[in-house]
Protein backbone atom coordinates (compact mmCIF):
# COMPACT_ATOMS: atom_id res chain seq x y z
CA MET A 1 0.00 0.00 0.00
CA SER A 2 2.70 2.55 0.97
CA ASP A 3 4.44 2.00 -2.39
CA LEU A 4 1.54 3.97 -3.88
CA VAL A 5 3.08 7.12 -2.43
CA ASP A 6 6.35 8.68 -3.58
CA ALA A 7 8.43 10.39 -0.92
CA ASP A 8 7.64 13.79 -2.47
CA TYR A 9 3.87 13.19 -2.87
CA VAL A 10 1.62 15.74 -1.20
CA PRO A 11 -2.18 15.30 -1.23
CA SER A 12 -3.94 17.80 -3.45
CA GLU A 13 -7.45 19.23 -3.70
CA ASP A 14 -7.30 18.31 -7.43
CA GLU A 15 -7.75 14.59 -6.74
CA PRO A 16 -10.66 12.67 -5.21
CA PHE A 17 -10.80 13.18 -1.43
CA MET A 18 -9.32 10.27 0.57
CA ASN A 19 -8.45 8.27 -2.51
CA GLU A 20 -6.07 5.34 -2.09
CA ARG A 21 -2.93 7.48 -2.45
CA GLN A 22 -4.12 10.00 0.16
CA ARG A 23 -5.03 7.23 2.58
CA ALA A 24 -1.60 5.62 2.07
CA TYR A 25 0.06 9.03 2.58
CA PHE A 26 -1.74 9.70 5.87
CA ARG A 27 -1.26 6.09 7.06
CA ARG A 28 2.49 6.39 6.50
CA LYS A 29 2.58 9.81 8.17
CA LEU A 30 0.69 8.55 11.25
CA ILE A 31 2.81 5.40 11.59
CA LYS A 32 6.06 7.40 11.30
CA TRP A 33 4.81 9.88 13.94
CA LYS A 34 3.92 7.02 16.29
CA ASP A 35 7.29 5.32 15.70
CA ASP A 36 9.11 8.60 16.44
CA ILE A 37 7.18 9.05 19.71
CA LEU A 38 7.90 5.47 20.79
CA LYS A 39 11.60 5.82 19.92
CA GLU A 40 11.82 9.05 21.92
CA ALA A 41 10.04 7.42 24.86
CA ARG A 42 12.48 4.47 24.83
CA GLU A 43 15.48 6.83 24.77
CA THR A 44 14.03 8.89 27.62
CA LEU A 45 13.41 5.76 29.67
CA GLU A 46 17.03 4.68 29.19
CA VAL A 47 18.26 8.10 30.35
CA LEU A 48 15.97 7.99 33.39
CA GLN A 49 17.19 4.53 34.33
CA LYS A 50 20.82 5.63 34.11
CA GLU A 51 20.12 8.74 36.18
CA SER A 52 18.17 6.88 38.82
CA ALA A 53 21.43 5.65 40.33
CA ASN A 54 21.55 6.79 43.93
CA HIS A 55 22.29 10.47 44.35
CA PRO A 56 24.03 10.91 47.70
CA ASP A 57 23.48 14.66 47.55
CA LEU A 58 19.99 15.76 48.64
CA ALA A 59 19.85 18.60 46.07
CA ASP A 60 20.83 16.22 43.26
CA ARG A 61 18.18 13.76 44.40
CA ALA A 62 15.51 16.50 44.52
CA SER A 63 16.52 17.73 41.06
CA SER A 64 16.36 14.17 39.75
CA GLU A 65 12.87 13.68 41.23
CA THR A 66 11.67 16.92 39.60
CA ASP A 67 13.08 15.77 36.25
CA ARG A 68 11.33 12.42 36.70
CA ALA A 69 7.96 14.10 37.45
CA ILE A 70 8.27 16.28 34.35
CA GLU A 71 9.23 13.25 32.30
CA LEU A 72 6.28 11.23 33.58
CA ARG A 73 3.88 14.03 32.61
CA ALA A 74 5.46 14.12 29.15
CA ARG A 75 5.10 10.35 28.84
CA ASP A 76 1.42 10.60 29.81
CA ARG A 77 0.91 13.17 27.02
CA GLN A 78 2.76 10.85 24.61
CA ARG A 79 0.55 7.93 25.65
CA LYS A 80 -2.58 10.01 24.96
CA LEU A 81 -1.17 11.13 21.61
CA ILE A 82 -0.43 7.53 20.62
CA ALA A 83 -4.04 6.63 21.48
CA LYS A 84 -5.21 9.44 19.15
CA ILE A 85 -2.86 8.22 16.41
CA ASP A 86 -4.19 4.66 16.83
CA ALA A 87 -7.75 6.00 16.62
CA ALA A 88 -6.85 7.87 13.40
CA LEU A 89 -5.34 4.68 11.93
CA GLN A 90 -8.54 2.85 12.89
CA ARG A 91 -10.63 5.54 11.11
CA LEU A 92 -8.41 5.04 8.03
CA GLU A 93 -9.26 1.31 8.10
CA GLU A 94 -12.97 2.04 8.54
CA GLY A 95 -13.06 4.66 5.79
CA THR A 96 -14.12 7.52 8.09
CA TYR A 97 -10.69 9.20 8.29
CA GLY A 98 -10.61 12.80 7.09
CA TYR A 99 -14.28 13.48 7.68
CA CYS A 100 -15.50 15.81 10.43
CA GLU A 101 -17.11 13.90 13.31
CA GLU A 102 -19.60 16.72 13.80
CA THR A 103 -20.68 17.60 10.24
CA GLY A 104 -19.54 14.61 8.18
CA GLU A 105 -17.89 17.06 5.77
CA PRO A 106 -14.30 16.49 4.55
CA ILE A 107 -11.62 18.08 6.76
CA SER A 108 -9.26 20.20 4.66
CA LEU A 109 -6.13 18.41 3.45
CA LYS A 110 -4.01 21.29 4.80
CA ARG A 111 -5.47 20.76 8.29
CA LEU A 112 -4.98 16.99 8.10
CA ASP A 113 -1.40 17.43 6.90
CA ALA A 114 -0.66 19.77 9.82
CA ARG A 115 -2.64 17.73 12.37
CA PRO A 116 -3.21 14.20 11.05
CA ILE A 117 -5.21 13.22 14.15
CA ALA A 118 -7.82 15.96 13.59
CA THR A 119 -11.41 14.77 13.94
CA LEU A 120 -13.14 18.11 13.38
CA SER A 121 -13.06 20.57 10.51
CA ILE A 122 -11.63 24.02 11.30
CA GLU A 123 -15.16 25.46 11.53
CA ALA A 124 -16.41 22.71 13.87
CA GLN A 125 -13.22 23.01 15.98
CA GLU A 126 -13.72 26.78 16.31
CA ARG A 127 -17.38 26.28 17.35
CA HIS A 128 -16.26 23.67 19.87
CA GLU A 129 -13.61 26.03 21.31
CA ARG A 130 -16.10 28.94 21.51
CA ARG A 131 -18.56 26.71 23.42
CA GLU A 132 -15.78 25.62 25.80
CA LYS A 133 -14.80 29.27 26.39
CA VAL A 134 -18.39 30.20 27.21
CA TYR A 135 -18.57 27.39 29.79
CA ARG A 136 -15.19 28.38 31.27
CA ASP A 137 -16.16 32.05 31.52
CA GLU A 138 -19.48 31.40 33.31
């Protein structure tokens, strides 16, 4: 499937929306993103394990614990992002990828290229954010 897409291929509005080449392009993009996140997480874990050697100095130990807390928050964000990538890959398999969950309309290719896990069109996303702001401001 991924041999349908040249390295320099970019989806265009001139072709049918979510045709086989576009689906292959986004599938490859999502899988590469996920692989990069997992690779980074493995490297971070190795660094943390090396640094977790006993720090006799209290300040060093406190600094190390702070670094670990920050790292754990980052890993939680990565885990959530991977779940969103997996959901996008699932939508690709089901044939619903690229369509707004709210309106059913196609999400712009530019938006999908910038944020391949997008589930809402720009308009629906802006409406969603305005509603959230109203609730927050009450």
